Protein backbone atom coordinates (compact mmCIF):
# COMPACT_ATOMS: atom_id res chain seq x y z
CA MET A 1 40.59 17.21 -25.40
CA GLN A 2 39.68 13.82 -25.15
CA LYS A 3 40.63 13.01 -21.75
CA THR A 4 38.81 16.55 -21.04
CA ILE A 5 35.69 14.70 -22.88
CA ARG A 6 35.80 11.62 -21.08
CA THR A 7 36.17 13.74 -18.09
CA ALA A 8 33.23 15.68 -18.96
CA LEU A 9 31.21 12.68 -19.80
CA ALA A 10 32.40 10.52 -16.47
CA ALA A 11 30.95 13.52 -14.36
CA ALA A 12 27.76 13.84 -16.35
CA ALA A 13 27.38 10.26 -15.95
CA LEU A 14 27.65 10.11 -12.26
CA ALA A 15 25.82 13.04 -11.95
CA THR A 16 22.81 11.56 -13.84
CA ALA A 17 23.43 8.63 -11.81
CA GLY A 18 23.01 10.42 -8.33
CA LEU A 19 20.06 12.03 -9.43
CA ALA A 20 18.64 8.58 -10.40
CA GLN A 21 19.55 7.10 -6.84
CA ALA A 22 18.04 10.12 -5.55
CA GLN A 23 14.76 9.81 -6.83
CA GLU A 24 14.89 5.91 -5.93
CA VAL A 25 13.20 5.48 -2.30
CA THR A 26 12.83 2.08 -0.08
CA LEU A 27 10.40 1.69 2.37
CA LYS A 28 11.33 0.05 5.61
CA PHE A 29 7.39 -1.92 5.94
CA HIS A 30 7.37 -3.25 9.07
CA HIS A 31 4.68 -5.54 10.85
CA ILE A 32 3.34 -8.63 12.69
CA TRP A 33 2.89 -11.43 10.12
CA ASN A 34 4.84 -13.90 9.54
CA THR A 35 5.80 -14.10 5.24
CA GLN A 36 2.56 -17.62 4.82
CA ALA A 37 0.48 -15.56 6.27
CA MET A 38 -2.58 -14.19 4.43
CA ALA A 39 -2.11 -10.48 4.78
CA SER A 40 1.90 -10.89 4.00
CA VAL A 41 0.69 -12.76 0.37
CA ASN A 42 -2.52 -11.09 -0.35
CA VAL A 43 -2.13 -7.33 0.46
CA ILE A 44 1.40 -6.52 1.34
CA ALA A 45 3.56 -8.08 -1.57
CA PRO A 46 0.60 -7.33 -3.89
CA TRP A 47 0.70 -3.90 -2.85
CA CYS A 48 4.84 -3.52 -2.47
CA ASP A 49 4.92 -4.68 -5.97
CA LYS A 50 2.18 -2.75 -7.69
CA ILE A 51 3.72 0.33 -5.94
CA ALA A 52 7.39 -0.59 -7.65
CA LYS A 53 6.02 -1.42 -10.92
CA GLU A 54 3.82 2.03 -11.19
CA SER A 55 6.72 4.09 -9.79
CA THR A 56 9.05 1.97 -12.61
CA ASN A 57 11.07 0.81 -9.69
CA LYS A 58 11.65 4.18 -8.48
CA LEU A 59 9.36 2.99 -5.04
CA LYS A 60 10.23 -0.55 -3.44
CA CYS A 61 9.58 -1.61 0.15
CA GLN A 62 11.84 -3.18 2.29
CA VAL A 63 9.56 -5.48 4.41
CA PHE A 64 10.47 -7.09 7.73
CA PRO A 65 7.94 -9.65 8.65
CA ALA A 66 6.92 -11.04 12.10
CA MET A 67 8.54 -7.90 13.76
CA SER A 68 12.43 -8.62 12.45
CA MET A 69 12.95 -4.65 12.96
CA GLY A 70 12.58 -5.47 16.52
CA GLY A 71 10.07 -3.63 19.17
CA THR A 72 6.74 -5.28 20.31
CA PRO A 73 3.69 -4.96 18.06
CA PRO A 74 2.14 -2.30 20.41
CA GLN A 75 4.91 -0.10 19.35
CA LEU A 76 3.92 -0.48 15.81
CA VAL A 77 2.41 2.71 15.94
CA ASP A 78 5.01 4.93 17.78
CA GLN A 79 7.62 3.39 14.92
CA VAL A 80 5.72 4.99 12.37
CA LYS A 81 4.95 7.82 13.42
CA ASP A 82 8.76 7.90 14.74
CA GLY A 83 9.87 7.50 11.21
CA VAL A 84 12.06 3.58 12.54
CA ALA A 85 9.76 2.22 9.98
CA ASP A 86 8.66 4.14 6.95
CA VAL A 87 5.04 1.86 6.46
CA VAL A 88 3.62 -0.24 9.18
CA ILE A 89 0.18 -2.23 9.06
CA THR A 90 -0.85 -2.66 12.57
CA LEU A 91 -3.97 -3.19 15.33
CA PRO A 92 -4.49 0.58 16.91
CA GLY A 93 -6.03 -1.52 20.00
CA TYR A 94 -2.75 -3.32 20.94
CA THR A 95 -2.48 -0.11 22.55
CA ALA A 96 -5.41 -0.26 25.19
CA GLY A 97 -6.97 3.53 25.20
CA ARG A 98 -4.84 5.32 22.89
CA PHE A 99 -6.93 5.89 19.69
CA PRO A 100 -10.78 5.08 21.54
CA ALA A 101 -12.31 7.03 18.65
CA LEU A 102 -11.49 3.56 16.75
CA GLU A 103 -12.42 1.18 19.59
CA VAL A 104 -16.29 2.10 17.76
CA PHE A 105 -15.52 -0.62 15.68
CA GLU A 106 -14.22 -3.36 17.76
CA LEU A 107 -17.43 -3.12 19.97
CA PRO A 108 -19.44 -6.24 19.98
CA PHE A 109 -22.05 -7.38 17.36
CA MET A 110 -21.46 -4.14 15.38
CA THR A 111 -21.28 -5.68 11.57
CA ASN A 112 -20.25 -9.40 10.02
CA SER A 113 -18.53 -7.97 6.78
CA ALA A 114 -15.08 -7.02 6.36
CA GLU A 115 -15.27 -5.02 3.14
CA VAL A 116 -18.45 -3.02 4.98
CA GLY A 117 -16.49 -2.39 7.68
CA ALA A 118 -13.65 -0.55 6.24
CA ARG A 119 -16.16 1.15 4.07
CA ALA A 120 -17.86 2.74 7.33
CA ALA A 121 -13.93 2.88 9.01
CA TRP A 122 -12.71 5.17 6.26
CA ASP A 123 -15.38 7.65 6.48
CA TYR A 124 -15.86 7.87 10.18
CA LEU A 125 -11.96 7.62 10.34
CA GLN A 126 -12.10 11.61 8.51
CA LYS A 127 -14.40 12.25 10.61
CA TYR A 128 -13.35 11.33 14.45
CA ALA A 129 -10.19 9.56 14.26
CA LEU A 130 -7.37 11.01 12.14
CA LYS A 131 -6.39 13.86 14.43
CA GLU A 132 -5.43 10.76 17.05
CA PHE A 133 -2.89 9.95 14.30
CA PRO A 134 -0.19 12.63 14.83
CA GLY A 135 2.59 12.61 12.29
CA THR A 136 0.78 9.48 10.27
CA LYS A 137 -0.51 9.29 7.07
CA ILE A 138 -3.35 6.17 7.29
CA LEU A 139 -3.25 4.85 4.25
CA ALA A 140 -6.45 2.14 4.46
CA ILE A 141 -7.99 1.10 7.37
CA TRP A 142 -10.47 -1.60 7.87
CA VAL A 143 -11.73 -4.13 10.48
CA HIS A 144 -11.02 -8.12 10.02
CA ASP A 145 -13.57 -10.92 8.98
CA GLU A 146 -16.07 -12.32 11.16
CA GLY A 147 -14.74 -13.49 14.88
CA TYR A 148 -15.29 -16.72 16.50
CA VAL A 149 -14.21 -18.37 19.45
CA HIS A 150 -11.77 -21.21 19.45
CA THR A 151 -11.19 -23.18 22.98
CA ARG A 152 -8.63 -26.13 23.23
CA GLU A 153 -10.89 -28.41 26.06
CA LYS A 154 -14.49 -27.37 25.91
CA PRO A 155 -17.07 -26.50 23.40
CA VAL A 156 -18.86 -22.57 24.33
CA LYS A 157 -22.59 -23.34 23.64
CA THR A 158 -24.10 -20.89 26.07
CA LEU A 159 -23.20 -17.77 27.73
CA ALA A 160 -22.77 -20.15 31.30
CA ASP A 161 -19.42 -22.25 29.26
CA PHE A 162 -17.76 -18.84 29.43
CA LYS A 163 -17.08 -18.66 32.86
CA GLY A 164 -14.23 -19.81 34.21
CA LEU A 165 -12.78 -20.17 30.46
CA LYS A 166 -8.93 -17.80 30.27
CA MET A 167 -9.38 -16.25 26.81
CA ARG A 168 -7.64 -14.17 24.88
CA ALA A 169 -8.99 -11.23 23.07
CA PRO A 170 -6.39 -8.24 20.63
CA THR A 171 -8.04 -5.06 22.05
CA ARG A 172 -9.58 -3.22 25.53
CA GLN A 173 -12.95 -3.99 24.04
CA THR A 174 -13.18 -7.18 23.41
CA ASN A 175 -11.16 -7.93 26.75
CA LYS A 176 -14.55 -6.33 27.90
CA LEU A 177 -16.56 -8.25 26.42
CA LEU A 178 -14.67 -11.52 27.01
CA ALA A 179 -15.83 -9.95 31.35
CA SER A 180 -19.27 -9.20 30.12
CA LEU A 181 -19.53 -12.95 28.74
CA GLY A 182 -18.46 -14.39 31.72
CA ALA A 183 -14.96 -15.33 30.94
CA SER A 184 -11.34 -14.45 32.17
CA PRO A 185 -10.27 -11.84 29.64
CA VAL A 186 -6.40 -12.43 28.61
CA GLY A 187 -4.91 -9.34 26.94
CA MET A 188 -2.36 -9.95 24.13
CA PRO A 189 -0.97 -9.17 20.45
CA LEU A 190 -1.60 -12.10 17.78
CA PRO A 191 2.30 -13.04 18.45
CA ALA A 192 1.65 -14.19 21.51
CA VAL A 193 -0.79 -16.70 21.15
CA VAL A 194 0.53 -19.71 19.98
CA ASP A 195 2.97 -19.88 22.82
CA ALA A 196 0.66 -19.35 26.10
CA VAL A 197 -1.94 -21.72 24.13
CA SER A 198 0.81 -24.65 23.77
CA LYS A 199 1.54 -23.71 27.56
CA GLY A 200 -2.43 -23.82 28.79
CA THR A 201 -1.80 -20.22 29.85
CA ILE A 202 -5.41 -19.66 28.05
CA ASP A 203 -7.88 -22.14 27.46
CA GLY A 204 -9.25 -20.12 24.07
CA PHE A 205 -9.26 -17.43 21.70
CA LEU A 206 -11.12 -15.20 19.72
CA LEU A 207 -9.46 -15.15 15.98
CA PRO A 208 -11.33 -14.61 12.92
CA TRP A 209 -10.02 -17.70 10.63
CA GLU A 210 -7.93 -15.36 8.38
CA VAL A 211 -4.94 -16.19 10.71
CA MET A 212 -5.30 -19.11 11.79
CA PRO A 213 -3.09 -21.74 9.52
CA SER A 214 -0.27 -19.52 9.20
CA LEU A 215 -0.12 -19.63 12.90
CA LYS A 216 -1.48 -23.69 12.35
CA LEU A 217 -3.54 -22.43 15.02
CA HIS A 218 -6.50 -25.02 14.06
CA GLU A 219 -4.14 -27.82 15.50
CA MET A 220 -3.98 -26.19 19.02
CA VAL A 221 -7.33 -25.87 19.39
CA LYS A 222 -10.51 -28.89 19.12
CA TYR A 223 -13.60 -26.53 19.46
CA HIS A 224 -15.08 -23.49 17.13
CA SER A 225 -18.28 -22.05 17.98
CA GLU A 226 -19.23 -19.96 15.52
CA THR A 227 -21.98 -17.07 14.74
CA ASP A 228 -25.49 -17.33 13.56
CA PRO A 229 -24.43 -15.56 9.85
CA SER A 230 -27.79 -13.42 9.76
CA ARG A 231 -26.53 -11.70 12.95
CA PRO A 232 -23.97 -9.37 13.53
CA ALA A 233 -20.22 -10.96 14.43
CA LEU A 234 -19.58 -11.47 17.73
CA TYR A 235 -16.51 -8.88 17.13
CA SER A 236 -13.85 -7.48 14.88
CA ALA A 237 -10.45 -5.73 15.11
CA VAL A 238 -9.94 -2.53 13.19
CA PHE A 239 -6.33 -2.27 11.13
CA VAL A 240 -4.51 0.50 9.71
CA PHE A 241 -2.33 0.50 6.69
CA ALA A 242 0.02 3.42 7.96
CA MET A 243 3.18 5.83 6.44
CA ASN A 244 5.13 8.01 8.04
CA GLN A 245 3.85 11.81 7.54
CA ALA A 246 7.55 13.34 6.72
CA LYS A 247 8.34 10.09 4.55
CA TYR A 248 5.29 11.02 2.16
CA ASP A 249 5.82 14.68 2.63
CA SER A 250 9.59 13.98 1.04
CA LEU A 251 8.62 11.86 -1.73
CA PRO A 252 8.25 13.84 -5.09
CA ALA A 253 5.34 14.53 -6.97
CA ASP A 254 5.17 11.72 -9.08
CA LEU A 255 5.74 8.91 -6.53
CA LYS A 256 3.22 11.06 -4.37
CA LYS A 257 0.97 9.99 -6.72
CA VAL A 258 1.21 6.14 -6.74
CA ILE A 259 0.97 6.41 -3.15
CA ASP A 260 -1.86 7.86 -3.48
CA GLY A 261 -3.21 5.80 -5.96
CA ASN A 262 -2.94 2.73 -3.74
CA SER A 263 -4.61 4.43 -0.95
CA GLY A 264 -7.53 5.70 0.41
CA ALA A 265 -11.63 4.46 0.78
CA ALA A 266 -11.57 1.93 -2.03
CA TYR A 267 -8.13 0.53 -1.50
CA SER A 268 -9.85 0.22 2.09
CA GLN A 269 -12.96 -1.54 0.89
CA ALA A 270 -10.17 -3.18 -1.53
CA ILE A 271 -8.78 -4.61 1.71
CA GLY A 272 -11.69 -5.82 3.08
CA LYS A 273 -13.40 -7.90 1.00
CA ILE A 274 -9.75 -9.58 0.25
CA TRP A 275 -10.37 -10.50 4.28
CA ASP A 276 -14.18 -11.72 3.87
CA GLY A 277 -12.52 -13.72 0.77
CA SER A 278 -10.22 -15.74 3.52
CA GLN A 279 -12.29 -17.04 5.48
CA ALA A 280 -13.03 -20.44 3.80
CA ALA A 281 -9.53 -21.35 3.63
CA GLY A 282 -8.41 -21.17 7.34
CA ARG A 283 -11.85 -23.55 8.41
CA LYS A 284 -10.83 -25.88 5.59
CA LEU A 285 -8.05 -26.86 7.65
CA ALA A 286 -9.78 -27.38 10.53
CA GLN A 287 -12.28 -29.58 9.33
CA GLU A 288 -10.35 -31.67 7.73
CA ARG A 289 -8.17 -32.13 11.06
CA GLY A 290 -11.68 -33.54 12.60
CA ASN A 291 -12.49 -30.41 15.29
CA THR A 292 -15.31 -29.81 16.46
CA PHE A 293 -18.57 -27.01 14.95
CA THR A 294 -20.78 -25.17 16.97
CA MET A 295 -23.09 -22.76 15.64
CA ILE A 296 -24.27 -20.56 18.11
CA PRO A 297 -28.21 -20.03 17.03
CA ALA A 298 -30.03 -16.13 16.49
CA SER A 299 -32.02 -17.29 20.40
CA GLU A 300 -28.78 -17.80 22.37
CA LEU A 301 -27.21 -15.14 20.85
CA ASP A 302 -29.53 -12.84 21.89
CA ASN A 303 -28.44 -13.90 25.52
CA TRP A 304 -24.75 -12.75 24.54
CA VAL A 305 -26.00 -8.93 23.09
CA LYS A 306 -27.82 -8.30 25.56
CA ALA A 307 -24.91 -9.33 28.36
CA ALA A 308 -22.99 -7.30 26.55
CA ALA A 309 -25.08 -4.22 26.31
CA PRO A 310 -23.17 -2.22 28.62
CA LEU A 311 -19.97 -2.00 26.63
CA TYR A 312 -21.96 0.73 24.37
CA ASP A 313 -23.07 2.69 27.37
CA ASP A 314 -19.20 2.65 28.83
CA PHE A 315 -17.99 3.92 24.77
CA THR A 316 -20.33 7.03 24.76
CA ALA A 317 -19.63 7.66 28.20
CA ASP A 318 -15.68 7.14 27.36
CA MET A 319 -15.81 9.44 24.11
CA ASP A 320 -18.49 11.99 26.57
CA LYS A 321 -15.78 12.78 29.23
CA LYS A 322 -12.83 13.07 26.60
CA GLY A 323 -15.28 16.17 25.25
CA LEU A 324 -16.10 13.99 22.32
CA PRO A 325 -19.87 13.54 20.96
CA GLY A 326 -19.65 9.29 22.54
CA LYS A 327 -23.64 9.20 21.40
CA GLN A 328 -23.31 10.65 18.35
CA MET A 329 -20.18 8.33 17.28
CA LEU A 330 -21.75 5.07 17.76
CA GLN A 331 -24.63 5.89 15.52
CA ASP A 332 -22.39 7.52 13.26
CA ALA A 333 -20.97 4.14 12.75
CA ARG A 334 -23.81 2.60 12.73
CA ASP A 335 -25.67 3.98 10.33
CA LEU A 336 -22.44 3.91 7.90
CA LEU A 337 -22.29 -0.06 8.62
CA VAL A 338 -26.10 0.12 7.12
CA LYS A 339 -25.20 2.71 4.44
CA TYR A 340 -22.55 0.28 2.79
CA LYS A 341 -24.09 -2.91 3.83
CA LYS A 342 -24.79 -5.20 0.87
């Protein structure tokens, strides 16, 4: 009798353990940054901690930083779509032309606030761009803080100074921008920048301050050209925080609720605010090193804006060719940026 009871209890315990294990979900989280990067410390780790806490450890992250699951940064969008990774953060612009609707926020001189850009991009995404991400659930979208010009050998003070420079940019639109300003654009994802600068393959790059410390890029250039803060930034780039749709759909209701509570418009805005707050720390290290800073005044920026003006017409024409309302899309993006501007 006792043996029968013990057997029944053991079977029940195994069943309970199996049920508990079945309810535990580990999300494979793949991204481009090293573990010291601002995004790793201030966005990814807190998100993983929060979903674990709110799910009583039923939801956990297994984080693969710096492309450690394999592949290249442009492949992240397919890794999450295909379920190789459960969650990624990446730049759609790394895959040139594949997410054309979102490129509107990568046009020059659109915004100088990541928080404002995040709010506008979320609304715009719902109207125009969700269909560009089949098999993928977008948890958040934002743009980075102001992008500036960083060079090794000579400062960029005027439009003419771009001539002859080989400059890195992250996306198709920023490559077009560099070409319109007179530079020779070199497209590459972030992880490739360090090697390209150290070997002299490029003379400089476009980047926000946020990401420079983790790669020690402030030690590899001497000159930094910032733009008058009263004007929109030279450029920005769009990030998406994305989850495999099938993985999300497979979650029980309580775990879906946790994901839902840590995604969406408010969460996108919060990430944008984190990016805005990251500028000072990155800039300080360049100052302490004794690097040279140039502020491009509004009067000179007018020349840059004029040179880049055809990019807006190119965008609308490109959308029109795809059967989309190009002018309306650009206007909606601008209107949303105005709506959310503080």
